[in-house]
Amino acid sequence: NAYANTFSSQCKELLRPFKKSLRKLHLPQHLPTEKKLKYTKESLTVIGDRIDLFLQRYCRASEVKHWQKMFWQFVSLFSEMNAKQLQKLYKYIKNNRMDKFL
């Protein structure tokens, strides 16, 4: 599928600077739960903020949902969670971050 390959390479390019964050989504089982949560939270914050920035800058309103879904599906390749779970978790982290900011 040429479209899927093109999109996948676009995702790779956009998220290349965040390779470390992507890798931290798939952590070894022996790591303590607290550390896993900390790394996951940090990684999702960095990755999600990057996705949001891209969507705001480069997507028309009608395209946002589609691209958002595609990006989170790509991110899910690096995690044991699926795209919806990752996106929900990012949304939760983002909302709580805003609560602390206000």
C-alpha atoms as a PDB file:
ATOM      1  CA  ASN A   1       0.000   0.000   0.000  1.00  0.00           C
ATOM      2  CA  ALA A   2       1.823   3.104  -1.255  1.00  0.00           C
ATOM      3  CA  TYR A   3      -0.286   5.533   0.798  1.00  0.00           C
ATOM      4  CA  ALA A   4       0.471   3.714   4.056  1.00  0.00           C
ATOM      5  CA  ASN A   5       4.206   3.651   3.273  1.00  0.00           C
ATOM      6  CA  THR A   6       4.223   7.353   2.445  1.00  0.00           C
ATOM      7  CA  PHE A   7       2.378   8.205   5.630  1.00  0.00           C
ATOM      8  CA  SER A   8       4.624   5.975   7.709  1.00  0.00           C
ATOM      9  CA  SER A   9       7.725   7.722   6.391  1.00  0.00           C
ATOM     10  CA  GLN A  10       6.129  11.120   7.091  1.00  0.00           C
ATOM     11  CA  CYS A  11       5.473  10.044  10.688  1.00  0.00           C
ATOM     12  CA  LYS A  12       9.041   8.822  11.041  1.00  0.00           C
ATOM     13  CA  GLU A  13      10.378  12.165   9.830  1.00  0.00           C
ATOM     14  CA  LEU A  14       8.093  14.221  12.043  1.00  0.00           C
ATOM     15  CA  LEU A  15       8.845  12.132  15.129  1.00  0.00           C
ATOM     16  CA  ARG A  16      12.522  11.394  14.391  1.00  0.00           C
ATOM     17  CA  PRO A  17      13.740  13.959  16.965  1.00  0.00           C
ATOM     18  CA  PHE A  18      11.647  12.088  19.538  1.00  0.00           C
ATOM     19  CA  LYS A  19      13.055   8.587  18.996  1.00  0.00           C
ATOM     20  CA  LYS A  20      14.066   8.378  22.649  1.00  0.00           C
ATOM     21  CA  SER A  21      10.539   9.195  23.761  1.00  0.00           C
ATOM     22  CA  LEU A  22       9.098   6.594  21.412  1.00  0.00           C
ATOM     23  CA  ARG A  23      11.497   3.958  22.729  1.00  0.00           C
ATOM     24  CA  LYS A  24      10.529   4.764  26.314  1.00  0.00           C
ATOM     25  CA  LEU A  25       6.963   3.716  25.538  1.00  0.00           C
ATOM     26  CA  HIS A  26       8.133   0.104  25.392  1.00  0.00           C
ATOM     27  CA  LEU A  27       9.921  -0.504  28.671  1.00  0.00           C
ATOM     28  CA  PRO A  28      11.392  -3.717  30.087  1.00  0.00           C
ATOM     29  CA  GLN A  29       9.130  -5.706  32.413  1.00  0.00           C
ATOM     30  CA  HIS A  30      11.629  -5.607  35.285  1.00  0.00           C
ATOM     31  CA  LEU A  31      11.391  -1.821  35.667  1.00  0.00           C
ATOM     32  CA  PRO A  32       9.423  -0.686  38.720  1.00  0.00           C
ATOM     33  CA  THR A  33       5.875   0.493  37.958  1.00  0.00           C
ATOM     34  CA  GLU A  34       6.626   4.023  39.214  1.00  0.00           C
ATOM     35  CA  LYS A  35       9.469   4.404  36.744  1.00  0.00           C
ATOM     36  CA  LYS A  36       7.359   3.027  33.901  1.00  0.00           C
ATOM     37  CA  LEU A  37       4.602   5.519  34.679  1.00  0.00           C
ATOM     38  CA  LYS A  38       7.078   8.389  34.882  1.00  0.00           C
ATOM     39  CA  TYR A  39       8.706   7.516  31.538  1.00  0.00           C
ATOM     40  CA  THR A  40       5.358   6.926  29.857  1.00  0.00           C
ATOM     41  CA  LYS A  41       4.006  10.259  31.084  1.00  0.00           C
ATOM     42  CA  GLU A  42       7.120  12.153  29.968  1.00  0.00           C
ATOM     43  CA  SER A  43       7.209  10.423  26.592  1.00  0.00           C
ATOM     44  CA  LEU A  44       3.515  10.871  25.837  1.00  0.00           C
ATOM     45  CA  THR A  45       3.725  14.537  26.780  1.00  0.00           C
ATOM     46  CA  VAL A  46       6.593  15.150  24.359  1.00  0.00           C
ATOM     47  CA  ILE A  47       5.094  13.079  21.543  1.00  0.00           C
ATOM     48  CA  GLY A  48       1.524  14.317  21.998  1.00  0.00           C
ATOM     49  CA  ASP A  49       2.618  17.957  22.098  1.00  0.00           C
ATOM     50  CA  ARG A  50       4.519  17.427  18.848  1.00  0.00           C
ATOM     51  CA  ILE A  51       1.491  15.827  17.191  1.00  0.00           C
ATOM     52  CA  ASP A  52      -0.766  18.662  18.400  1.00  0.00           C
ATOM     53  CA  LEU A  53       1.643  21.272  17.083  1.00  0.00           C
ATOM     54  CA  PHE A  54       1.775  19.588  13.684  1.00  0.00           C
ATOM     55  CA  LEU A  55      -2.020  19.333  13.501  1.00  0.00           C
ATOM     56  CA  GLN A  56      -2.450  23.016  14.405  1.00  0.00           C
ATOM     57  CA  ARG A  57       0.133  24.216  11.906  1.00  0.00           C
ATOM     58  CA  TYR A  58      -0.383  21.984   8.907  1.00  0.00           C
ATOM     59  CA  CYS A  59      -3.874  20.490   8.917  1.00  0.00           C
ATOM     60  CA  ARG A  60      -7.196  21.892   7.883  1.00  0.00           C
ATOM     61  CA  ALA A  61      -9.924  21.511  10.494  1.00  0.00           C
ATOM     62  CA  SER A  62     -11.558  18.816   8.386  1.00  0.00           C
ATOM     63  CA  GLU A  63      -8.325  16.744   8.360  1.00  0.00           C
ATOM     64  CA  VAL A  64      -7.360  16.931  12.029  1.00  0.00           C
ATOM     65  CA  LYS A  65      -9.263  13.852  13.243  1.00  0.00           C
ATOM     66  CA  HIS A  66      -7.902  11.698  10.415  1.00  0.00           C
ATOM     67  CA  TRP A  67      -4.269  12.730  10.882  1.00  0.00           C
ATOM     68  CA  GLN A  68      -4.524  12.566  14.649  1.00  0.00           C
ATOM     69  CA  LYS A  69      -5.727   8.969  14.388  1.00  0.00           C
ATOM     70  CA  MET A  70      -2.933   8.096  11.956  1.00  0.00           C
ATOM     71  CA  PHE A  71      -0.193   9.611  14.135  1.00  0.00           C
ATOM     72  CA  TRP A  72      -1.392   7.819  17.263  1.00  0.00           C
ATOM     73  CA  GLN A  73      -1.554   4.551  15.315  1.00  0.00           C
ATOM     74  CA  PHE A  74       2.064   5.061  14.336  1.00  0.00           C
ATOM     75  CA  VAL A  75       3.031   5.828  17.948  1.00  0.00           C
ATOM     76  CA  SER A  76       1.232   2.674  19.096  1.00  0.00           C
ATOM     77  CA  LEU A  77       3.765   0.610  17.123  1.00  0.00           C
ATOM     78  CA  PHE A  78       6.229   1.523  19.897  1.00  0.00           C
ATOM     79  CA  SER A  79       3.928   0.647  22.769  1.00  0.00           C
ATOM     80  CA  GLU A  80       1.927  -2.212  24.194  1.00  0.00           C
ATOM     81  CA  MET A  81      -1.070   0.135  24.279  1.00  0.00           C
ATOM     82  CA  ASN A  82      -3.245   0.774  21.248  1.00  0.00           C
ATOM     83  CA  ALA A  83      -3.679   4.153  19.570  1.00  0.00           C
ATOM     84  CA  LYS A  84      -6.904   5.025  21.419  1.00  0.00           C
ATOM     85  CA  GLN A  85      -5.416   4.214  24.819  1.00  0.00           C
ATOM     86  CA  LEU A  86      -2.334   6.323  24.116  1.00  0.00           C
ATOM     87  CA  GLN A  87      -4.397   9.240  22.874  1.00  0.00           C
ATOM     88  CA  LYS A  88      -6.726   9.080  25.900  1.00  0.00           C
ATOM     89  CA  LEU A  89      -3.784   8.913  28.268  1.00  0.00           C
ATOM     90  CA  TYR A  90      -2.139  11.896  26.564  1.00  0.00           C
ATOM     91  CA  LYS A  91      -5.398  13.855  26.806  1.00  0.00           C
ATOM     92  CA  TYR A  92      -5.623  13.010  30.519  1.00  0.00           C
ATOM     93  CA  ILE A  93      -2.003  14.072  31.131  1.00  0.00           C
ATOM     94  CA  LYS A  94      -2.531  17.285  29.148  1.00  0.00           C
ATOM     95  CA  ASN A  95      -5.705  18.208  31.060  1.00  0.00           C
ATOM     96  CA  ASN A  96      -4.052  17.587  34.410  1.00  0.00           C
ATOM     97  CA  ARG A  97      -1.045  19.630  33.349  1.00  0.00           C
ATOM     98  CA  MET A  98      -3.367  22.532  32.541  1.00  0.00           C
ATOM     99  CA  ASP A  99      -5.080  22.201  35.934  1.00  0.00           C
ATOM    100  CA  LYS A 100      -1.710  22.597  37.664  1.00  0.00           C
ATOM    101  CA  PHE A 101      -0.830  25.533  35.423  1.00  0.00           C
ATOM    102  CA  LEU A 102      -4.008  27.474  36.222  1.00  0.00           C
END
